[in-house]
Amino acid sequence: MQAQKTGGSIVSITAALAANPIAGVTASVAMITKGGLETVTRHLAMEYAKQHIRFNAVAPGAVDTPLHANNPKDALRSLAPMGTISTVEDIASAVVYLTEAGQITGEVLHVDGGAHVGKW
């Protein structure tokens, strides 16, 4: 991107739990990397802003994937105040949005049914 001098967009995937831990969800070790990813996203956005290289992240909550095939859907819905489970398409749409949104950099877009907002 730097060599081409045309700017660009990098979107990483983090997790909503990095910003809002939930009691009973044991993910602290995994969130070490996700929290670091959110921080480096903001720093890289600032470092490369003059080159028009944008850095953003998507922070999903519970997503309906094979990873959660054996988890009760009601339990997954309880992890978000909207009472919903994201789809793979929801996450992909967020990535595409950030890729195409030319004035957004350093942002973490939460796709988590509002879970990052706080206790519900």
PDB file of N, CA and C in Angstrom:
ATOM      1  N   MET A   1       0.820  -1.185   0.000  1.00  0.00           N
ATOM      2  CA  MET A   1       0.000   0.000   0.000  1.00  0.00           C
ATOM      3  C   MET A   1       0.868   1.254   0.000  1.00  0.00           C
ATOM      4  N   GLN A   2       1.927   1.209   0.799  1.00  0.00           N
ATOM      5  CA  GLN A   2       2.811   2.368   0.833  1.00  0.00           C
ATOM      6  C   GLN A   2       3.523   2.550  -0.508  1.00  0.00           C
ATOM      7  N   ALA A   3       3.975   1.454  -1.109  1.00  0.00           N
ATOM      8  CA  ALA A   3       4.701   1.538  -2.370  1.00  0.00           C
ATOM      9  C   ALA A   3       3.794   2.035  -3.494  1.00  0.00           C
ATOM     10  N   GLN A   4       2.538   1.635  -3.477  1.00  0.00           N
ATOM     11  CA  GLN A   4       1.600   2.049  -4.522  1.00  0.00           C
ATOM     12  C   GLN A   4       1.134   3.490  -4.346  1.00  0.00           C
ATOM     13  N   LYS A   5       1.245   4.002  -3.113  1.00  0.00           N
ATOM     14  CA  LYS A   5       0.833   5.369  -2.782  1.00  0.00           C
ATOM     15  C   LYS A   5      -0.630   5.657  -3.154  1.00  0.00           C
ATOM     16  N   THR A   6      -1.475   4.650  -3.010  1.00  0.00           N
ATOM     17  CA  THR A   6      -2.898   4.831  -3.299  1.00  0.00           C
ATOM     18  C   THR A   6      -3.766   4.642  -2.061  1.00  0.00           C
ATOM     19  N   GLY A   7      -3.156   4.525  -0.895  1.00  0.00           N
ATOM     20  CA  GLY A   7      -3.912   4.288   0.322  1.00  0.00           C
ATOM     21  C   GLY A   7      -4.413   2.857   0.372  1.00  0.00           C
ATOM     22  N   GLY A   8      -5.347   2.622   1.259  1.00  0.00           N
ATOM     23  CA  GLY A   8      -5.894   1.278   1.377  1.00  0.00           C
ATOM     24  C   GLY A   8      -6.647   1.118   2.679  1.00  0.00           C
ATOM     25  N   SER A   9      -7.109  -0.092   2.918  1.00  0.00           N
ATOM     26  CA  SER A   9      -7.930  -0.378   4.085  1.00  0.00           C
ATOM     27  C   SER A   9      -7.584  -1.753   4.638  1.00  0.00           C
ATOM     28  N   ILE A  10      -7.393  -1.793   5.939  1.00  0.00           N
ATOM     29  CA  ILE A  10      -7.152  -3.053   6.635  1.00  0.00           C
ATOM     30  C   ILE A  10      -8.212  -3.167   7.724  1.00  0.00           C
ATOM     31  N   VAL A  11      -8.921  -4.274   7.721  1.00  0.00           N
ATOM     32  CA  VAL A  11      -9.965  -4.512   8.727  1.00  0.00           C
ATOM     33  C   VAL A  11      -9.630  -5.801   9.453  1.00  0.00           C
ATOM     34  N   SER A  12      -9.502  -5.724  10.762  1.00  0.00           N
ATOM     35  CA  SER A  12      -9.233  -6.917  11.558  1.00  0.00           C
ATOM     36  C   SER A  12     -10.495  -7.301  12.337  1.00  0.00           C
ATOM     37  N   ILE A  13     -10.474  -8.507  12.874  1.00  0.00           N
ATOM     38  CA  ILE A  13     -11.606  -9.009  13.653  1.00  0.00           C
ATOM     39  C   ILE A  13     -11.156  -9.162  15.101  1.00  0.00           C
ATOM     40  N   THR A  14     -11.870  -8.534  15.996  1.00  0.00           N
ATOM     41  CA  THR A  14     -11.598  -8.635  17.423  1.00  0.00           C
ATOM     42  C   THR A  14     -12.807  -9.321  18.071  1.00  0.00           C
ATOM     43  N   ALA A  15     -13.230  -8.902  19.239  1.00  0.00           N
ATOM     44  CA  ALA A  15     -14.392  -9.506  19.904  1.00  0.00           C
ATOM     45  C   ALA A  15     -15.036  -8.487  20.822  1.00  0.00           C
ATOM     46  N   ALA A  16     -16.353  -8.500  20.876  1.00  0.00           N
ATOM     47  CA  ALA A  16     -17.080  -7.581  21.748  1.00  0.00           C
ATOM     48  C   ALA A  16     -16.680  -7.766  23.209  1.00  0.00           C
ATOM     49  N   LEU A  17     -16.322  -8.968  23.586  1.00  0.00           N
ATOM     50  CA  LEU A  17     -15.933  -9.229  24.978  1.00  0.00           C
ATOM     51  C   LEU A  17     -14.689  -8.449  25.395  1.00  0.00           C
ATOM     52  N   ALA A  18     -13.883  -7.995  24.451  1.00  0.00           N
ATOM     53  CA  ALA A  18     -12.691  -7.223  24.800  1.00  0.00           C
ATOM     54  C   ALA A  18     -13.071  -5.913  25.467  1.00  0.00           C
ATOM     55  N   ALA A  19     -14.194  -5.329  25.066  1.00  0.00           N
ATOM     56  CA  ALA A  19     -14.633  -4.053  25.622  1.00  0.00           C
ATOM     57  C   ALA A  19     -15.603  -4.219  26.788  1.00  0.00           C
ATOM     58  N   ASN A  20     -16.293  -5.350  26.836  1.00  0.00           N
ATOM     59  CA  ASN A  20     -17.318  -5.536  27.851  1.00  0.00           C
ATOM     60  C   ASN A  20     -17.338  -6.980  28.335  1.00  0.00           C
ATOM     61  N   PRO A  21     -16.572  -7.288  29.380  1.00  0.00           N
ATOM     62  CA  PRO A  21     -16.585  -8.657  29.901  1.00  0.00           C
ATOM     63  C   PRO A  21     -17.970  -9.025  30.448  1.00  0.00           C
ATOM     64  N   ILE A  22     -18.301 -10.287  30.361  1.00  0.00           N
ATOM     65  CA  ILE A  22     -19.575 -10.785  30.870  1.00  0.00           C
ATOM     66  C   ILE A  22     -19.282 -11.829  31.942  1.00  0.00           C
ATOM     67  N   ALA A  23     -19.891 -11.650  33.101  1.00  0.00           N
ATOM     68  CA  ALA A  23     -19.699 -12.597  34.194  1.00  0.00           C
ATOM     69  C   ALA A  23     -20.082 -13.995  33.739  1.00  0.00           C
ATOM     70  N   GLY A  24     -19.238 -14.953  34.045  1.00  0.00           N
ATOM     71  CA  GLY A  24     -19.511 -16.338  33.692  1.00  0.00           C
ATOM     72  C   GLY A  24     -18.970 -16.745  32.337  1.00  0.00           C
ATOM     73  N   VAL A  25     -18.518 -15.787  31.535  1.00  0.00           N
ATOM     74  CA  VAL A  25     -17.908 -16.102  30.241  1.00  0.00           C
ATOM     75  C   VAL A  25     -16.394 -16.030  30.440  1.00  0.00           C
ATOM     76  N   THR A  26     -15.769 -17.179  30.496  1.00  0.00           N
ATOM     77  CA  THR A  26     -14.336 -17.238  30.779  1.00  0.00           C
ATOM     78  C   THR A  26     -13.542 -17.103  29.485  1.00  0.00           C
ATOM     79  N   ALA A  27     -13.133 -15.876  29.216  1.00  0.00           N
ATOM     80  CA  ALA A  27     -12.411 -15.603  27.978  1.00  0.00           C
ATOM     81  C   ALA A  27     -11.251 -14.638  28.193  1.00  0.00           C
ATOM     82  N   SER A  28     -10.813 -14.483  29.425  1.00  0.00           N
ATOM     83  CA  SER A  28      -9.812 -13.459  29.724  1.00  0.00           C
ATOM     84  C   SER A  28      -8.507 -13.649  28.965  1.00  0.00           C
ATOM     85  N   VAL A  29      -8.031 -14.862  28.829  1.00  0.00           N
ATOM     86  CA  VAL A  29      -6.766 -15.084  28.119  1.00  0.00           C
ATOM     87  C   VAL A  29      -6.912 -14.718  26.644  1.00  0.00           C
ATOM     88  N   ALA A  30      -7.995 -15.145  26.024  1.00  0.00           N
ATOM     89  CA  ALA A  30      -8.225 -14.799  24.613  1.00  0.00           C
ATOM     90  C   ALA A  30      -8.389 -13.296  24.432  1.00  0.00           C
ATOM     91  N   MET A  31      -8.950 -12.611  25.412  1.00  0.00           N
ATOM     92  CA  MET A  31      -9.184 -11.174  25.290  1.00  0.00           C
ATOM     93  C   MET A  31      -7.897 -10.362  25.407  1.00  0.00           C
ATOM     94  N   ILE A  32      -6.834 -10.968  25.901  1.00  0.00           N
ATOM     95  CA  ILE A  32      -5.541 -10.273  25.911  1.00  0.00           C
ATOM     96  C   ILE A  32      -5.171  -9.887  24.487  1.00  0.00           C
ATOM     97  N   THR A  33      -5.293 -10.818  23.567  1.00  0.00           N
ATOM     98  CA  THR A  33      -4.939 -10.523  22.170  1.00  0.00           C
ATOM     99  C   THR A  33      -5.974  -9.614  21.520  1.00  0.00           C
ATOM    100  N   LYS A  34      -7.239  -9.806  21.820  1.00  0.00           N
ATOM    101  CA  LYS A  34      -8.287  -8.982  21.190  1.00  0.00           C
ATOM    102  C   LYS A  34      -8.182  -7.531  21.652  1.00  0.00           C
ATOM    103  N   GLY A  35      -7.930  -7.319  22.924  1.00  0.00           N
ATOM    104  CA  GLY A  35      -7.747  -5.953  23.433  1.00  0.00           C
ATOM    105  C   GLY A  35      -6.524  -5.291  22.814  1.00  0.00           C
ATOM    106  N   GLY A  36      -5.459  -6.066  22.655  1.00  0.00           N
ATOM    107  CA  GLY A  36      -4.262  -5.551  21.996  1.00  0.00           C
ATOM    108  C   GLY A  36      -4.527  -5.202  20.548  1.00  0.00           C
ATOM    109  N   LEU A  37      -5.350  -5.997  19.892  1.00  0.00           N
ATOM    110  CA  LEU A  37      -5.703  -5.743  18.498  1.00  0.00           C
ATOM    111  C   LEU A  37      -6.473  -4.430  18.361  1.00  0.00           C
ATOM    112  N   GLU A  38      -7.359  -4.157  19.301  1.00  0.00           N
ATOM    113  CA  GLU A  38      -8.098  -2.892  19.266  1.00  0.00           C
ATOM    114  C   GLU A  38      -7.153  -1.709  19.460  1.00  0.00           C
ATOM    115  N   THR A  39      -6.207  -1.846  20.365  1.00  0.00           N
ATOM    116  CA  THR A  39      -5.246  -0.770  20.608  1.00  0.00           C
ATOM    117  C   THR A  39      -4.351  -0.543  19.403  1.00  0.00           C
ATOM    118  N   VAL A  40      -3.819  -1.604  18.826  1.00  0.00           N
ATOM    119  CA  VAL A  40      -2.931  -1.444  17.676  1.00  0.00           C
ATOM    120  C   VAL A  40      -3.698  -0.907  16.472  1.00  0.00           C
ATOM    121  N   THR A  41      -4.981  -1.208  16.359  1.00  0.00           N
ATOM    122  CA  THR A  41      -5.803  -0.656  15.273  1.00  0.00           C
ATOM    123  C   THR A  41      -5.826   0.862  15.361  1.00  0.00           C
ATOM    124  N   ARG A  42      -6.056   1.397  16.545  1.00  0.00           N
ATOM    125  CA  ARG A  42      -6.090   2.851  16.719  1.00  0.00           C
ATOM    126  C   ARG A  42      -4.720   3.474  16.463  1.00  0.00           C
ATOM    127  N   HIS A  43      -3.678   2.837  16.963  1.00  0.00           N
ATOM    128  CA  HIS A  43      -2.333   3.388  16.776  1.00  0.00           C
ATOM    129  C   HIS A  43      -1.910   3.364  15.307  1.00  0.00           C
ATOM    130  N   LEU A  44      -2.151   2.247  14.626  1.00  0.00           N
ATOM    131  CA  LEU A  44      -1.787   2.165  13.213  1.00  0.00           C
ATOM    132  C   LEU A  44      -2.593   3.158  12.378  1.00  0.00           C
ATOM    133  N   ALA A  45      -3.857   3.361  12.744  1.00  0.00           N
ATOM    134  CA  ALA A  45      -4.674   4.343  12.028  1.00  0.00           C
ATOM    135  C   ALA A  45      -4.020   5.723  12.094  1.00  0.00           C
ATOM    136  N   MET A  46      -3.499   6.068  13.241  1.00  0.00           N
ATOM    137  CA  MET A  46      -2.852   7.366  13.400  1.00  0.00           C
ATOM    138  C   MET A  46      -1.509   7.404  12.668  1.00  0.00           C
ATOM    139  N   GLU A  47      -0.756   6.332  12.767  1.00  0.00           N
ATOM    140  CA  GLU A  47       0.569   6.290  12.150  1.00  0.00           C
ATOM    141  C   GLU A  47       0.511   6.373  10.624  1.00  0.00           C
ATOM    142  N   TYR A  48      -0.531   5.793  10.021  1.00  0.00           N
ATOM    143  CA  TYR A  48      -0.604   5.719   8.563  1.00  0.00           C
ATOM    144  C   TYR A  48      -1.672   6.626   7.955  1.00  0.00           C
ATOM    145  N   ALA A  49      -2.241   7.513   8.736  1.00  0.00           N
ATOM    146  CA  ALA A  49      -3.300   8.390   8.233  1.00  0.00           C
ATOM    147  C   ALA A  49      -2.818   9.254   7.071  1.00  0.00           C
ATOM    148  N   LYS A  50      -1.634   9.801   7.156  1.00  0.00           N
ATOM    149  CA  LYS A  50      -1.122  10.673   6.076  1.00  0.00           C
ATOM    150  C   LYS A  50      -0.917   9.919   4.773  1.00  0.00           C
ATOM    151  N   GLN A  51      -0.733   8.589   4.853  1.00  0.00           N
ATOM    152  CA  GLN A  51      -0.608   7.770   3.641  1.00  0.00           C
ATOM    153  C   GLN A  51      -1.970   7.262   3.160  1.00  0.00           C
ATOM    154  N   HIS A  52      -3.042   7.679   3.841  1.00  0.00           N
ATOM    155  CA  HIS A  52      -4.411   7.272   3.518  1.00  0.00           C
ATOM    156  C   HIS A  52      -4.608   5.759   3.605  1.00  0.00           C
ATOM    157  N   ILE A  53      -3.859   5.137   4.521  1.00  0.00           N
ATOM    158  CA  ILE A  53      -4.063   3.722   4.812  1.00  0.00           C
ATOM    159  C   ILE A  53      -4.888   3.670   6.092  1.00  0.00           C
ATOM    160  N   ARG A  54      -6.073   3.108   5.980  1.00  0.00           N
ATOM    161  CA  ARG A  54      -7.016   3.089   7.090  1.00  0.00           C
ATOM    162  C   ARG A  54      -6.996   1.738   7.795  1.00  0.00           C
ATOM    163  N   PHE A  55      -7.079   1.776   9.108  1.00  0.00           N
ATOM    164  CA  PHE A  55      -7.116   0.577   9.953  1.00  0.00           C
ATOM    165  C   PHE A  55      -8.378   0.626  10.790  1.00  0.00           C
ATOM    166  N   ASN A  56      -9.180  -0.416  10.704  1.00  0.00           N
ATOM    167  CA  ASN A  56     -10.402  -0.535  11.483  1.00  0.00           C
ATOM    168  C   ASN A  56     -10.549  -1.977  11.952  1.00  0.00           C
ATOM    169  N   ALA A  57     -11.520  -2.198  12.827  1.00  0.00           N
ATOM    170  CA  ALA A  57     -11.769  -3.557  13.329  1.00  0.00           C
ATOM    171  C   ALA A  57     -13.271  -3.774  13.490  1.00  0.00           C
ATOM    172  N   VAL A  58     -13.670  -5.013  13.384  1.00  0.00           N
ATOM    173  CA  VAL A  58     -15.041  -5.430  13.670  1.00  0.00           C
ATOM    174  C   VAL A  58     -14.990  -6.289  14.928  1.00  0.00           C
ATOM    175  N   ALA A  59     -15.886  -5.992  15.864  1.00  0.00           N
ATOM    176  CA  ALA A  59     -15.933  -6.710  17.134  1.00  0.00           C
ATOM    177  C   ALA A  59     -17.267  -7.447  17.257  1.00  0.00           C
ATOM    178  N   PRO A  60     -17.317  -8.707  16.806  1.00  0.00           N
ATOM    179  CA  PRO A  60     -18.564  -9.466  16.909  1.00  0.00           C
ATOM    180  C   PRO A  60     -18.852  -9.916  18.337  1.00  0.00           C
ATOM    181  N   GLY A  61     -20.128 -10.095  18.596  1.00  0.00           N
ATOM    182  CA  GLY A  61     -20.561 -10.788  19.798  1.00  0.00           C
ATOM    183  C   GLY A  61     -20.742 -12.247  19.416  1.00  0.00           C
ATOM    184  N   ALA A  62     -21.802 -12.861  19.897  1.00  0.00           N
ATOM    185  CA  ALA A  62     -22.094 -14.244  19.516  1.00  0.00           C
ATOM    186  C   ALA A  62     -22.517 -14.284  18.052  1.00  0.00           C
ATOM    187  N   VAL A  63     -21.914 -15.192  17.298  1.00  0.00           N
ATOM    188  CA  VAL A  63     -22.213 -15.333  15.875  1.00  0.00           C
ATOM    189  C   VAL A  63     -22.660 -16.770  15.627  1.00  0.00           C
ATOM    190  N   ASP A  64     -23.704 -16.915  14.846  1.00  0.00           N
ATOM    191  CA  ASP A  64     -24.240 -18.240  14.536  1.00  0.00           C
ATOM    192  C   ASP A  64     -23.315 -18.943  13.541  1.00  0.00           C
ATOM    193  N   THR A  65     -22.376 -19.701  14.065  1.00  0.00           N
ATOM    194  CA  THR A  65     -21.414 -20.467  13.265  1.00  0.00           C
ATOM    195  C   THR A  65     -21.355 -21.888  13.823  1.00  0.00           C
ATOM    196  N   PRO A  66     -20.690 -22.784  13.123  1.00  0.00           N
ATOM    197  CA  PRO A  66     -20.534 -24.146  13.649  1.00  0.00           C
ATOM    198  C   PRO A  66     -19.854 -24.190  15.029  1.00  0.00           C
ATOM    199  N   LEU A  67     -19.083 -23.159  15.352  1.00  0.00           N
ATOM    200  CA  LEU A  67     -18.446 -23.095  16.677  1.00  0.00           C
ATOM    201  C   LEU A  67     -19.493 -23.171  17.790  1.00  0.00           C
ATOM    202  N   HIS A  68     -20.669 -22.605  17.529  1.00  0.00           N
ATOM    203  CA  HIS A  68     -21.731 -22.570  18.541  1.00  0.00           C
ATOM    204  C   HIS A  68     -22.840 -23.583  18.269  1.00  0.00           C
ATOM    205  N   ALA A  69     -22.590 -24.558  17.439  1.00  0.00           N
ATOM    206  CA  ALA A  69     -23.624 -25.539  17.077  1.00  0.00           C
ATOM    207  C   ALA A  69     -24.210 -26.248  18.290  1.00  0.00           C
ATOM    208  N   ASN A  70     -23.393 -26.496  19.307  1.00  0.00           N
ATOM    209  CA  ASN A  70     -23.865 -27.226  20.484  1.00  0.00           C
ATOM    210  C   ASN A  70     -24.287 -26.318  21.638  1.00  0.00           C
ATOM    211  N   ASN A  71     -24.201 -25.003  21.426  1.00  0.00           N
ATOM    212  CA  ASN A  71     -24.615 -24.067  22.468  1.00  0.00           C
ATOM    213  C   ASN A  71     -26.104 -23.757  22.325  1.00  0.00           C
ATOM    214  N   PRO A  72     -26.836 -23.751  23.431  1.00  0.00           N
ATOM    215  CA  PRO A  72     -28.262 -23.421  23.359  1.00  0.00           C
ATOM    216  C   PRO A  72     -28.449 -21.996  22.822  1.00  0.00           C
ATOM    217  N   LYS A  73     -29.342 -21.847  21.847  1.00  0.00           N
ATOM    218  CA  LYS A  73     -29.577 -20.532  21.228  1.00  0.00           C
ATOM    219  C   LYS A  73     -30.071 -19.514  22.247  1.00  0.00           C
ATOM    220  N   ASP A  74     -30.864 -19.938  23.212  1.00  0.00           N
ATOM    221  CA  ASP A  74     -31.346 -18.998  24.229  1.00  0.00           C
ATOM    222  C   ASP A  74     -30.187 -18.447  25.051  1.00  0.00           C
ATOM    223  N   ALA A  75     -29.213 -19.276  25.341  1.00  0.00           N
ATOM    224  CA  ALA A  75     -28.045 -18.816  26.098  1.00  0.00           C
ATOM    225  C   ALA A  75     -27.255 -17.798  25.279  1.00  0.00           C
ATOM    226  N   LEU A  76     -27.104 -18.050  23.989  1.00  0.00           N
ATOM    227  CA  LEU A  76     -26.389 -17.104  23.126  1.00  0.00           C
ATOM    228  C   LEU A  76     -27.152 -15.788  23.017  1.00  0.00           C
ATOM    229  N   ARG A  77     -28.465 -15.852  22.905  1.00  0.00           N
ATOM    230  CA  ARG A  77     -29.271 -14.630  22.812  1.00  0.00           C
ATOM    231  C   ARG A  77     -29.171 -13.802  24.088  1.00  0.00           C
ATOM    232  N   SER A  78     -28.962 -14.463  25.212  1.00  0.00           N
ATOM    233  CA  SER A  78     -28.887 -13.749  26.488  1.00  0.00           C
ATOM    234  C   SER A  78     -27.604 -12.923  26.615  1.00  0.00           C
ATOM    235  N   LEU A  79     -26.664 -13.102  25.697  1.00  0.00           N
ATOM    236  CA  LEU A  79     -25.397 -12.375  25.760  1.00  0.00           C
ATOM    237  C   LEU A  79     -25.468 -10.974  25.145  1.00  0.00           C
ATOM    238  N   ALA A  80     -26.650 -10.581  24.654  1.00  0.00           N
ATOM    239  CA  ALA A  80     -26.804  -9.259  24.054  1.00  0.00           C
ATOM    240  C   ALA A  80     -28.137  -8.650  24.472  1.00  0.00           C
ATOM    241  N   PRO A  81     -28.171  -7.363  24.759  1.00  0.00           N
ATOM    242  CA  PRO A  81     -29.427  -6.743  25.173  1.00  0.00           C
ATOM    243  C   PRO A  81     -30.514  -6.793  24.103  1.00  0.00           C
ATOM    244  N   MET A  82     -30.142  -6.859  22.821  1.00  0.00           N
ATOM    245  CA  MET A  82     -31.146  -6.998  21.763  1.00  0.00           C
ATOM    246  C   MET A  82     -31.711  -8.418  21.705  1.00  0.00           C
ATOM    247  N   GLY A  83     -31.047  -9.357  22.396  1.00  0.00           N
ATOM    248  CA  GLY A  83     -31.518 -10.740  22.415  1.00  0.00           C
ATOM    249  C   GLY A  83     -31.373 -11.435  21.079  1.00  0.00           C
ATOM    250  N   THR A  84     -30.350 -11.049  20.329  1.00  0.00           N
ATOM    251  CA  THR A  84     -30.139 -11.612  18.994  1.00  0.00           C
ATOM    252  C   THR A  84     -28.764 -12.255  18.883  1.00  0.00           C
ATOM    253  N   ILE A  85     -28.610 -13.068  17.868  1.00  0.00           N
ATOM    254  CA  ILE A  85     -27.323 -13.684  17.534  1.00  0.00           C
ATOM    255  C   ILE A  85     -26.961 -13.177  16.144  1.00  0.00           C
ATOM    256  N   SER A  86     -25.747 -12.692  15.977  1.00  0.00           N
ATOM    257  CA  SER A  86     -25.307 -12.210  14.667  1.00  0.00           C
ATOM    258  C   SER A  86     -25.141 -13.371  13.703  1.00  0.00           C
ATOM    259  N   THR A  87     -25.280 -13.050  12.431  1.00  0.00           N
ATOM    260  CA  THR A  87     -25.015 -14.028  11.383  1.00  0.00           C
ATOM    261  C   THR A  87     -23.645 -13.737  10.779  1.00  0.00           C
ATOM    262  N   VAL A  88     -23.130 -14.695  10.042  1.00  0.00           N
ATOM    263  CA  VAL A  88     -21.871 -14.487   9.326  1.00  0.00           C
ATOM    264  C   VAL A  88     -22.032 -13.317   8.360  1.00  0.00           C
ATOM    265  N   GLU A  89     -23.197 -13.198   7.758  1.00  0.00           N
ATOM    266  CA  GLU A  89     -23.462 -12.095   6.831  1.00  0.00           C
ATOM    267  C   GLU A  89     -23.396 -10.745   7.540  1.00  0.00           C
ATOM    268  N   ASP A  90     -23.858 -10.665   8.795  1.00  0.00           N
ATOM    269  CA  ASP A  90     -23.772  -9.420   9.567  1.00  0.00           C
ATOM    270  C   ASP A  90     -22.314  -8.981   9.706  1.00  0.00           C
ATOM    271  N   ILE A  91     -21.458  -9.936  10.001  1.00  0.00           N
ATOM    272  CA  ILE A  91     -20.041  -9.621  10.196  1.00  0.00           C
ATOM    273  C   ILE A  91     -19.401  -9.232   8.864  1.00  0.00           C
ATOM    274  N   ALA A  92     -19.699  -9.988   7.818  1.00  0.00           N
ATOM    275  CA  ALA A  92     -19.147  -9.683   6.500  1.00  0.00           C
ATOM    276  C   ALA A  92     -19.597  -8.304   6.031  1.00  0.00           C
ATOM    277  N   SER A  93     -20.838  -7.947   6.266  1.00  0.00           N
ATOM    278  CA  SER A  93     -21.341  -6.630   5.874  1.00  0.00           C
ATOM    279  C   SER A  93     -20.607  -5.513   6.607  1.00  0.00           C
ATOM    280  N   ALA A  94     -20.307  -5.732   7.875  1.00  0.00           N
ATOM    281  CA  ALA A  94     -19.567  -4.733   8.650  1.00  0.00           C
ATOM    282  C   ALA A  94     -18.158  -4.558   8.092  1.00  0.00           C
ATOM    283  N   VAL A  95     -17.515  -5.664   7.726  1.00  0.00           N
ATOM    284  CA  VAL A  95     -16.168  -5.592   7.138  1.00  0.00           C
ATOM    285  C   VAL A  95     -16.214  -4.831   5.822  1.00  0.00           C
ATOM    286  N   VAL A  96     -17.170  -5.144   4.975  1.00  0.00           N
ATOM    287  CA  VAL A  96     -17.295  -4.451   3.682  1.00  0.00           C
ATOM    288  C   VAL A  96     -17.547  -2.966   3.914  1.00  0.00           C
ATOM    289  N   TYR A  97     -18.420  -2.635   4.848  1.00  0.00           N
ATOM    290  CA  TYR A  97     -18.701  -1.225   5.157  1.00  0.00           C
ATOM    291  C   TYR A  97     -17.411  -0.492   5.525  1.00  0.00           C
ATOM    292  N   LEU A  98     -16.647  -1.046   6.443  1.00  0.00           N
ATOM    293  CA  LEU A  98     -15.412  -0.383   6.869  1.00  0.00           C
ATOM    294  C   LEU A  98     -14.393  -0.307   5.744  1.00  0.00           C
ATOM    295  N   THR A  99     -14.372  -1.299   4.880  1.00  0.00           N
ATOM    296  CA  THR A  99     -13.452  -1.290   3.749  1.00  0.00           C
ATOM    297  C   THR A  99     -13.787  -0.150   2.785  1.00  0.00           C
ATOM    298  N   GLU A 100     -15.063   0.112   2.608  1.00  0.00           N
ATOM    299  CA  GLU A 100     -15.501   1.106   1.636  1.00  0.00           C
ATOM    300  C   GLU A 100     -15.683   2.508   2.207  1.00  0.00           C
ATOM    301  N   ALA A 101     -15.752   2.649   3.515  1.00  0.00           N
ATOM    302  CA  ALA A 101     -15.996   3.948   4.153  1.00  0.00           C
ATOM    303  C   ALA A 101     -14.687   4.735   4.238  1.00  0.00           C
ATOM    304  N   GLY A 102     -14.444   5.545   3.224  1.00  0.00           N
ATOM    305  CA  GLY A 102     -13.153   6.209   3.052  1.00  0.00           C
ATOM    306  C   GLY A 102     -12.744   7.182   4.135  1.00  0.00           C
ATOM    307  N   GLN A 103     -13.663   7.637   4.959  1.00  0.00           N
ATOM    308  CA  GLN A 103     -13.324   8.600   6.007  1.00  0.00           C
ATOM    309  C   GLN A 103     -13.301   7.985   7.399  1.00  0.00           C
ATOM    310  N   ILE A 104     -13.367   6.678   7.478  1.00  0.00           N
ATOM    311  CA  ILE A 104     -13.360   6.017   8.790  1.00  0.00           C
ATOM    312  C   ILE A 104     -12.034   5.302   8.977  1.00  0.00           C
ATOM    313  N   THR A 105     -11.360   5.653  10.067  1.00  0.00           N
ATOM    314  CA  THR A 105     -10.112   4.974  10.428  1.00  0.00           C
ATOM    315  C   THR A 105      -9.969   4.982  11.943  1.00  0.00           C
ATOM    316  N   GLY A 106      -9.384   3.932  12.474  1.00  0.00           N
ATOM    317  CA  GLY A 106      -9.197   3.824  13.918  1.00  0.00           C
ATOM    318  C   GLY A 106     -10.450   3.415  14.665  1.00  0.00           C
ATOM    319  N   GLU A 107     -11.417   2.898  13.961  1.00  0.00           N
ATOM    320  CA  GLU A 107     -12.715   2.570  14.557  1.00  0.00           C
ATOM    321  C   GLU A 107     -12.831   1.080  14.853  1.00  0.00           C
ATOM    322  N   VAL A 108     -13.512   0.767  15.956  1.00  0.00           N
ATOM    323  CA  VAL A 108     -13.892  -0.605  16.269  1.00  0.00           C
ATOM    324  C   VAL A 108     -15.416  -0.656  16.178  1.00  0.00           C
ATOM    325  N   LEU A 109     -15.920  -1.340  15.183  1.00  0.00           N
ATOM    326  CA  LEU A 109     -17.359  -1.435  14.947  1.00  0.00           C
ATOM    327  C   LEU A 109     -17.888  -2.690  15.633  1.00  0.00           C
ATOM    328  N   HIS A 110     -18.713  -2.488  16.647  1.00  0.00           N
ATOM    329  CA  HIS A 110     -19.273  -3.608  17.401  1.00  0.00           C
ATOM    330  C   HIS A 110     -20.522  -4.136  16.704  1.00  0.00           C
ATOM    331  N   VAL A 111     -20.516  -5.417  16.413  1.00  0.00           N
ATOM    332  CA  VAL A 111     -21.664  -6.100  15.815  1.00  0.00           C
ATOM    333  C   VAL A 111     -22.078  -7.162  16.834  1.00  0.00           C
ATOM    334  N   ASP A 112     -22.734  -6.693  17.886  1.00  0.00           N
ATOM    335  CA  ASP A 112     -22.946  -7.539  19.055  1.00  0.00           C
ATOM    336  C   ASP A 112     -24.306  -7.356  19.705  1.00  0.00           C
ATOM    337  N   GLY A 113     -25.256  -6.788  18.981  1.00  0.00           N
ATOM    338  CA  GLY A 113     -26.589  -6.598  19.564  1.00  0.00           C
ATOM    339  C   GLY A 113     -26.597  -5.668  20.755  1.00  0.00           C
ATOM    340  N   GLY A 114     -25.608  -4.780  20.834  1.00  0.00           N
ATOM    341  CA  GLY A 114     -25.536  -3.802  21.927  1.00  0.00           C
ATOM    342  C   GLY A 114     -24.770  -4.249  23.156  1.00  0.00           C
ATOM    343  N   ALA A 115     -24.160  -5.406  23.122  1.00  0.00           N
ATOM    344  CA  ALA A 115     -23.476  -5.924  24.319  1.00  0.00           C
ATOM    345  C   ALA A 115     -22.351  -5.011  24.800  1.00  0.00           C
ATOM    346  N   HIS A 116     -21.695  -4.301  23.914  1.00  0.00           N
ATOM    347  CA  HIS A 116     -20.575  -3.450  24.315  1.00  0.00           C
ATOM    348  C   HIS A 116     -21.027  -2.199  25.085  1.00  0.00           C
ATOM    349  N   VAL A 117     -22.326  -1.901  25.063  1.00  0.00           N
ATOM    350  CA  VAL A 117     -22.818  -0.706  25.701  1.00  0.00           C
ATOM    351  C   VAL A 117     -22.758  -0.821  27.232  1.00  0.00           C
ATOM    352  N   GLY A 118     -22.934  -2.023  27.751  1.00  0.00           N
ATOM    353  CA  GLY A 118     -22.855  -2.186  29.204  1.00  0.00           C
ATOM    354  C   GLY A 118     -23.831  -3.225  29.711  1.00  0.00           C
ATOM    355  N   LYS A 119     -24.070  -3.192  30.995  1.00  0.00           N
ATOM    356  CA  LYS A 119     -24.924  -4.197  31.659  1.00  0.00           C
ATOM    357  C   LYS A 119     -26.383  -3.994  31.263  1.00  0.00           C
ATOM    358  N   TRP A 120     -27.077  -5.095  31.043  1.00  0.00           N
ATOM    359  CA  TRP A 120     -28.497  -5.023  30.670  1.00  0.00           C
ATOM    360  C   TRP A 120     -29.322  -5.938  31.544  1.00  0.00           C
TER     361      TRP A 120
END
